[in-house]
Amino acid sequence: FPRRLPPVWLRLPPLGCLNVHPSLLSLGRGPEPVFWTLRRGERRSGATIHRMTERFDAGPILTQTAIAVPPGIRAPDLERELMTLGGQALVAALPALATGAIDFRPQDETLATDAPVPSPADWLMPTTLPAGWAFNFARGVAPLGGPLAVRGASLGVLPVRDALAHNPTERLASPIVVRGDGIVRVRFAPGWVEFQI
């Protein structure tokens, strides 16, 4: 990745070409599955070992291992966990694959979702969504350095750097409260998130 292997290369190895992918395929096909796991607020992810085909991340599955996505986890930490999990699953599956004791299963096309490179709009957090989602998303993707921002009818677009705290249910009296030292609280629906700006 990002270059696609020619079909003739994919057919060369007797057991096929395998890929370790940090999502539970067919969910999260594409280059940024960890970002989209956090963007979609998914509480479960995992690692998939699949046979490579001419379509990215669409080949039949050898094995999958699922984990819970901890609230507030950083994207690099989640990706590291998933790739470690995938590496262990690959090592464990290879002997059985070599003896023909494991069958591949097709991916469920009805569940497939894409995980493209995020656009600037994908980094926006609408205040019409819950504070718990916004906190987990901002905490997760802040280390990636994208144009993270809050968008609300009464505040326009407010660039932020990180999420520091949140309350999932408490309602702020106003859409934004400036707390000083580059820290603000923003009202979501429901709850609030404290951001570093």
C-alpha atoms as a PDB file:
ATOM      1  CA  PHE A   1       0.000   0.000   0.000  1.00  0.00           C
ATOM      2  CA  PRO A   2      -0.606   2.539  -1.522  1.00  0.00           C
ATOM      3  CA  ARG A   3       0.418   0.678  -4.674  1.00  0.00           C
ATOM      4  CA  ARG A   4      -1.808  -2.113  -5.902  1.00  0.00           C
ATOM      5  CA  LEU A   5      -0.002  -5.404  -6.588  1.00  0.00           C
ATOM      6  CA  PRO A   6      -0.533  -6.609 -10.171  1.00  0.00           C
ATOM      7  CA  PRO A   7      -2.888  -9.604 -10.435  1.00  0.00           C
ATOM      8  CA  VAL A   8      -0.088 -11.803 -11.754  1.00  0.00           C
ATOM      9  CA  TRP A   9       1.896 -11.221  -8.538  1.00  0.00           C
ATOM     10  CA  LEU A  10      -1.119 -12.094  -6.403  1.00  0.00           C
ATOM     11  CA  ARG A  11      -1.292 -15.493  -8.113  1.00  0.00           C
ATOM     12  CA  LEU A  12       2.397 -16.379  -7.646  1.00  0.00           C
ATOM     13  CA  PRO A  13       2.487 -17.646  -4.013  1.00  0.00           C
ATOM     14  CA  PRO A  14       0.921 -21.131  -3.747  1.00  0.00           C
ATOM     15  CA  LEU A  15      -1.081 -20.105  -0.657  1.00  0.00           C
ATOM     16  CA  GLY A  16      -1.926 -16.640  -1.953  1.00  0.00           C
ATOM     17  CA  CYS A  17      -0.950 -13.192  -0.641  1.00  0.00           C
ATOM     18  CA  LEU A  18      -2.214 -12.277   2.819  1.00  0.00           C
ATOM     19  CA  ASN A  19      -2.881  -8.874   4.346  1.00  0.00           C
ATOM     20  CA  VAL A  20      -3.246  -7.813   7.985  1.00  0.00           C
ATOM     21  CA  HIS A  21      -5.969  -5.138   8.158  1.00  0.00           C
ATOM     22  CA  PRO A  22      -6.873  -3.132  11.307  1.00  0.00           C
ATOM     23  CA  SER A  23     -10.654  -3.514  11.157  1.00  0.00           C
ATOM     24  CA  LEU A  24     -13.295  -6.225  11.151  1.00  0.00           C
ATOM     25  CA  LEU A  25     -13.710  -6.512   7.397  1.00  0.00           C
ATOM     26  CA  SER A  26     -15.946  -5.983   5.547  1.00  0.00           C
ATOM     27  CA  LEU A  27     -16.202  -2.929   7.832  1.00  0.00           C
ATOM     28  CA  GLY A  28     -13.563  -0.300   7.203  1.00  0.00           C
ATOM     29  CA  ARG A  29     -12.177  -1.118   3.764  1.00  0.00           C
ATOM     30  CA  GLY A  30      -9.511   1.381   2.782  1.00  0.00           C
ATOM     31  CA  PRO A  31      -6.417   3.215   3.996  1.00  0.00           C
ATOM     32  CA  GLU A  32      -7.802   4.788   7.219  1.00  0.00           C
ATOM     33  CA  PRO A  33      -9.884   2.213   9.110  1.00  0.00           C
ATOM     34  CA  VAL A  34      -8.786   3.416  12.564  1.00  0.00           C
ATOM     35  CA  PHE A  35      -9.842   7.016  11.848  1.00  0.00           C
ATOM     36  CA  TRP A  36     -13.251   5.807  10.655  1.00  0.00           C
ATOM     37  CA  THR A  37     -13.698   3.459  13.623  1.00  0.00           C
ATOM     38  CA  LEU A  38     -13.398   6.570  15.816  1.00  0.00           C
ATOM     39  CA  ARG A  39     -15.421   8.798  13.486  1.00  0.00           C
ATOM     40  CA  ARG A  40     -18.311   6.359  13.416  1.00  0.00           C
ATOM     41  CA  GLY A  41     -18.151   5.872  17.171  1.00  0.00           C
ATOM     42  CA  GLU A  42     -17.720   2.118  16.837  1.00  0.00           C
ATOM     43  CA  ARG A  43     -17.151   0.460  20.226  1.00  0.00           C
ATOM     44  CA  ARG A  44     -15.733  -2.714  18.685  1.00  0.00           C
ATOM     45  CA  SER A  45     -12.939  -3.229  16.197  1.00  0.00           C
ATOM     46  CA  GLY A  46     -10.357  -5.874  15.459  1.00  0.00           C
ATOM     47  CA  ALA A  47      -7.818  -7.306  13.073  1.00  0.00           C
ATOM     48  CA  THR A  48      -8.552  -9.276   9.932  1.00  0.00           C
ATOM     49  CA  ILE A  49      -6.234 -11.579   7.991  1.00  0.00           C
ATOM     50  CA  HIS A  50      -7.533 -11.886   4.451  1.00  0.00           C
ATOM     51  CA  ARG A  51      -6.387 -13.067   1.063  1.00  0.00           C
ATOM     52  CA  MET A  52      -5.479 -10.184  -1.201  1.00  0.00           C
ATOM     53  CA  THR A  53      -7.458  -9.769  -4.417  1.00  0.00           C
ATOM     54  CA  GLU A  54      -7.547  -7.143  -7.136  1.00  0.00           C
ATOM     55  CA  ARG A  55      -9.951  -5.053  -4.983  1.00  0.00           C
ATOM     56  CA  PHE A  56      -8.426  -3.437  -1.907  1.00  0.00           C
ATOM     57  CA  ASP A  57      -9.433  -5.159   1.364  1.00  0.00           C
ATOM     58  CA  ALA A  58     -12.177  -7.218  -0.296  1.00  0.00           C
ATOM     59  CA  GLY A  59     -10.640 -10.701  -0.333  1.00  0.00           C
ATOM     60  CA  PRO A  60     -11.880 -13.732   1.596  1.00  0.00           C
ATOM     61  CA  ILE A  61     -11.160 -13.856   5.323  1.00  0.00           C
ATOM     62  CA  LEU A  62      -8.751 -16.317   6.904  1.00  0.00           C
ATOM     63  CA  THR A  63      -9.280 -15.196  10.505  1.00  0.00           C
ATOM     64  CA  GLN A  64     -10.527 -12.257  12.580  1.00  0.00           C
ATOM     65  CA  THR A  65      -9.989 -11.211  16.175  1.00  0.00           C
ATOM     66  CA  ALA A  66     -12.209  -8.577  17.827  1.00  0.00           C
ATOM     67  CA  ILE A  67     -11.502  -6.194  20.715  1.00  0.00           C
ATOM     68  CA  ALA A  68     -13.449  -3.459  22.476  1.00  0.00           C
ATOM     69  CA  VAL A  69     -12.469   0.113  21.597  1.00  0.00           C
ATOM     70  CA  PRO A  70     -11.685   1.807  24.935  1.00  0.00           C
ATOM     71  CA  PRO A  71     -13.278   5.256  25.436  1.00  0.00           C
ATOM     72  CA  GLY A  72     -10.801   8.060  24.759  1.00  0.00           C
ATOM     73  CA  ILE A  73      -8.123   5.847  23.166  1.00  0.00           C
ATOM     74  CA  ARG A  74      -5.673   7.612  20.857  1.00  0.00           C
ATOM     75  CA  ALA A  75      -5.651   6.501  17.209  1.00  0.00           C
ATOM     76  CA  PRO A  76      -1.934   5.542  17.183  1.00  0.00           C
ATOM     77  CA  ASP A  77      -2.443   3.406  20.304  1.00  0.00           C
ATOM     78  CA  LEU A  78      -5.494   1.683  18.830  1.00  0.00           C
ATOM     79  CA  GLU A  79      -3.701   1.021  15.546  1.00  0.00           C
ATOM     80  CA  ARG A  80      -0.703  -0.426  17.400  1.00  0.00           C
ATOM     81  CA  GLU A  81      -3.017  -2.726  19.402  1.00  0.00           C
ATOM     82  CA  LEU A  82      -4.801  -3.878  16.261  1.00  0.00           C
ATOM     83  CA  MET A  83      -1.618  -4.523  14.303  1.00  0.00           C
ATOM     84  CA  THR A  84      -0.103  -6.464  17.231  1.00  0.00           C
ATOM     85  CA  LEU A  85      -3.311  -8.480  17.418  1.00  0.00           C
ATOM     86  CA  GLY A  86      -3.184  -9.059  13.665  1.00  0.00           C
ATOM     87  CA  GLY A  87       0.450 -10.134  13.736  1.00  0.00           C
ATOM     88  CA  GLN A  88      -0.267 -12.672  16.464  1.00  0.00           C
ATOM     89  CA  ALA A  89      -3.305 -13.984  14.563  1.00  0.00           C
ATOM     90  CA  LEU A  90      -1.252 -14.331  11.378  1.00  0.00           C
ATOM     91  CA  VAL A  91       1.499 -16.302  13.107  1.00  0.00           C
ATOM     92  CA  ALA A  92      -1.089 -18.557  14.756  1.00  0.00           C
ATOM     93  CA  ALA A  93      -2.974 -19.196  11.482  1.00  0.00           C
ATOM     94  CA  LEU A  94      -0.063 -19.927   9.132  1.00  0.00           C
ATOM     95  CA  PRO A  95       0.603 -23.548  10.182  1.00  0.00           C
ATOM     96  CA  ALA A  96      -3.046 -24.513   9.721  1.00  0.00           C
ATOM     97  CA  LEU A  97      -3.177 -22.627   6.416  1.00  0.00           C
ATOM     98  CA  ALA A  98      -0.117 -24.517   5.169  1.00  0.00           C
ATOM     99  CA  THR A  99      -1.759 -27.883   5.927  1.00  0.00           C
ATOM    100  CA  GLY A 100      -5.101 -26.875   4.413  1.00  0.00           C
ATOM    101  CA  ALA A 101      -6.878 -27.045   7.767  1.00  0.00           C
ATOM    102  CA  ILE A 102      -8.339 -23.519   7.473  1.00  0.00           C
ATOM    103  CA  ASP A 103     -10.929 -22.424   4.954  1.00  0.00           C
ATOM    104  CA  PHE A 104     -11.359 -18.860   3.805  1.00  0.00           C
ATOM    105  CA  ARG A 105     -14.819 -17.336   4.077  1.00  0.00           C
ATOM    106  CA  PRO A 106     -16.182 -14.586   1.826  1.00  0.00           C
ATOM    107  CA  GLN A 107     -16.736 -11.111   3.194  1.00  0.00           C
ATOM    108  CA  ASP A 108     -20.312  -9.972   3.746  1.00  0.00           C
ATOM    109  CA  GLU A 109     -20.809  -7.337   1.065  1.00  0.00           C
ATOM    110  CA  THR A 110     -24.018  -6.106   2.712  1.00  0.00           C
ATOM    111  CA  LEU A 111     -21.988  -4.889   5.733  1.00  0.00           C
ATOM    112  CA  ALA A 112     -19.136  -3.284   3.794  1.00  0.00           C
ATOM    113  CA  THR A 113     -18.127   0.269   4.700  1.00  0.00           C
ATOM    114  CA  ASP A 114     -15.369   2.447   3.254  1.00  0.00           C
ATOM    115  CA  ALA A 115     -12.452   3.987   5.136  1.00  0.00           C
ATOM    116  CA  PRO A 116     -11.001   6.552   2.712  1.00  0.00           C
ATOM    117  CA  VAL A 117      -8.429   9.231   3.484  1.00  0.00           C
ATOM    118  CA  PRO A 118     -10.482  11.782   5.476  1.00  0.00           C
ATOM    119  CA  SER A 119     -11.456  15.086   3.894  1.00  0.00           C
ATOM    120  CA  PRO A 120     -11.410  18.328   5.939  1.00  0.00           C
ATOM    121  CA  ALA A 121     -15.173  17.919   6.504  1.00  0.00           C
ATOM    122  CA  ASP A 122     -14.571  14.545   8.166  1.00  0.00           C
ATOM    123  CA  TRP A 123     -12.614  16.266  10.965  1.00  0.00           C
ATOM    124  CA  LEU A 124     -15.586  18.465  11.944  1.00  0.00           C
ATOM    125  CA  MET A 125     -17.612  17.678  15.087  1.00  0.00           C
ATOM    126  CA  PRO A 126     -21.211  18.935  14.853  1.00  0.00           C
ATOM    127  CA  THR A 127     -22.593  20.130  18.196  1.00  0.00           C
ATOM    128  CA  THR A 128     -25.861  18.358  17.339  1.00  0.00           C
ATOM    129  CA  LEU A 129     -24.168  15.039  18.223  1.00  0.00           C
ATOM    130  CA  PRO A 130     -23.556  13.668  21.750  1.00  0.00           C
ATOM    131  CA  ALA A 131     -20.623  14.898  23.837  1.00  0.00           C
ATOM    132  CA  GLY A 132     -19.469  11.326  24.476  1.00  0.00           C
ATOM    133  CA  TRP A 133     -18.991  10.751  20.755  1.00  0.00           C
ATOM    134  CA  ALA A 134     -17.213  14.106  20.253  1.00  0.00           C
ATOM    135  CA  PHE A 135     -14.843  13.489  23.171  1.00  0.00           C
ATOM    136  CA  ASN A 136     -13.880  10.007  22.013  1.00  0.00           C
ATOM    137  CA  PHE A 137     -13.442  11.138  18.411  1.00  0.00           C
ATOM    138  CA  ALA A 138     -11.366  14.237  19.264  1.00  0.00           C
ATOM    139  CA  ARG A 139      -9.199  12.374  21.797  1.00  0.00           C
ATOM    140  CA  GLY A 140      -8.648   9.631  19.266  1.00  0.00           C
ATOM    141  CA  VAL A 141      -7.706  11.615  16.187  1.00  0.00           C
ATOM    142  CA  ALA A 142      -5.985  14.661  17.754  1.00  0.00           C
ATOM    143  CA  PRO A 143      -2.506  13.054  17.477  1.00  0.00           C
ATOM    144  CA  LEU A 144      -3.017  12.652  13.717  1.00  0.00           C
ATOM    145  CA  GLY A 145      -2.759  16.426  13.257  1.00  0.00           C
ATOM    146  CA  GLY A 146      -5.748  16.976  10.976  1.00  0.00           C
ATOM    147  CA  PRO A 147      -7.921  20.107  10.860  1.00  0.00           C
ATOM    148  CA  LEU A 148      -9.946  19.156  13.959  1.00  0.00           C
ATOM    149  CA  ALA A 149     -12.810  21.589  14.612  1.00  0.00           C
ATOM    150  CA  VAL A 150     -16.225  21.969  16.243  1.00  0.00           C
ATOM    151  CA  ARG A 151     -19.142  23.200  14.134  1.00  0.00           C
ATOM    152  CA  GLY A 152     -22.279  24.705  15.633  1.00  0.00           C
ATOM    153  CA  ALA A 153     -25.049  27.062  14.553  1.00  0.00           C
ATOM    154  CA  SER A 154     -24.123  29.648  17.185  1.00  0.00           C
ATOM    155  CA  LEU A 155     -20.342  29.323  16.997  1.00  0.00           C
ATOM    156  CA  GLY A 156     -19.558  28.653  13.359  1.00  0.00           C
ATOM    157  CA  VAL A 157     -16.380  26.589  13.005  1.00  0.00           C
ATOM    158  CA  LEU A 158     -14.054  26.557  16.018  1.00  0.00           C
ATOM    159  CA  PRO A 159     -10.626  24.938  15.464  1.00  0.00           C
ATOM    160  CA  VAL A 160      -9.529  22.792  18.420  1.00  0.00           C
ATOM    161  CA  ARG A 161      -6.366  20.816  19.191  1.00  0.00           C
ATOM    162  CA  ASP A 162      -7.515  18.166  21.656  1.00  0.00           C
ATOM    163  CA  ALA A 163     -10.322  17.085  23.981  1.00  0.00           C
ATOM    164  CA  LEU A 164      -9.520  17.241  27.693  1.00  0.00           C
ATOM    165  CA  ALA A 165     -12.723  16.239  29.502  1.00  0.00           C
ATOM    166  CA  HIS A 166     -16.439  15.814  29.000  1.00  0.00           C
ATOM    167  CA  ASN A 167     -19.761  15.355  30.693  1.00  0.00           C
ATOM    168  CA  PRO A 168     -22.213  13.226  28.704  1.00  0.00           C
ATOM    169  CA  THR A 169     -25.427  14.709  30.124  1.00  0.00           C
ATOM    170  CA  GLU A 170     -24.893  18.102  31.816  1.00  0.00           C
ATOM    171  CA  ARG A 171     -26.223  21.062  29.825  1.00  0.00           C
ATOM    172  CA  LEU A 172     -24.194  24.257  29.579  1.00  0.00           C
ATOM    173  CA  ALA A 173     -26.142  27.506  29.926  1.00  0.00           C
ATOM    174  CA  SER A 174     -24.497  28.876  26.757  1.00  0.00           C
ATOM    175  CA  PRO A 175     -23.085  27.210  23.611  1.00  0.00           C
ATOM    176  CA  ILE A 176     -19.498  27.966  24.643  1.00  0.00           C
ATOM    177  CA  VAL A 177     -17.779  28.808  27.923  1.00  0.00           C
ATOM    178  CA  VAL A 178     -14.249  30.236  27.810  1.00  0.00           C
ATOM    179  CA  ARG A 179     -12.317  28.875  30.778  1.00  0.00           C
ATOM    180  CA  GLY A 180      -8.978  30.655  30.081  1.00  0.00           C
ATOM    181  CA  ASP A 181      -5.490  29.360  29.188  1.00  0.00           C
ATOM    182  CA  GLY A 182      -6.722  28.213  25.787  1.00  0.00           C
ATOM    183  CA  ILE A 183      -9.458  25.985  27.196  1.00  0.00           C
ATOM    184  CA  VAL A 184     -13.157  26.150  26.275  1.00  0.00           C
ATOM    185  CA  ARG A 185     -16.241  24.099  27.031  1.00  0.00           C
ATOM    186  CA  VAL A 186     -18.647  23.526  24.165  1.00  0.00           C
ATOM    187  CA  ARG A 187     -22.260  22.413  24.472  1.00  0.00           C
ATOM    188  CA  PHE A 188     -23.251  19.276  22.563  1.00  0.00           C
ATOM    189  CA  ALA A 189     -26.577  17.464  22.378  1.00  0.00           C
ATOM    190  CA  PRO A 190     -26.444  16.240  25.067  1.00  0.00           C
ATOM    191  CA  GLY A 191     -23.504  17.132  27.324  1.00  0.00           C
ATOM    192  CA  TRP A 192     -20.368  19.221  26.938  1.00  0.00           C
ATOM    193  CA  VAL A 193     -16.732  18.730  25.925  1.00  0.00           C
ATOM    194  CA  GLU A 194     -13.748  20.678  27.194  1.00  0.00           C
ATOM    195  CA  PHE A 195     -11.262  21.413  24.412  1.00  0.00           C
ATOM    196  CA  GLN A 196      -7.787  22.842  24.136  1.00  0.00           C
ATOM    197  CA  ILE A 197      -7.800  25.447  21.373  1.00  0.00           C
END
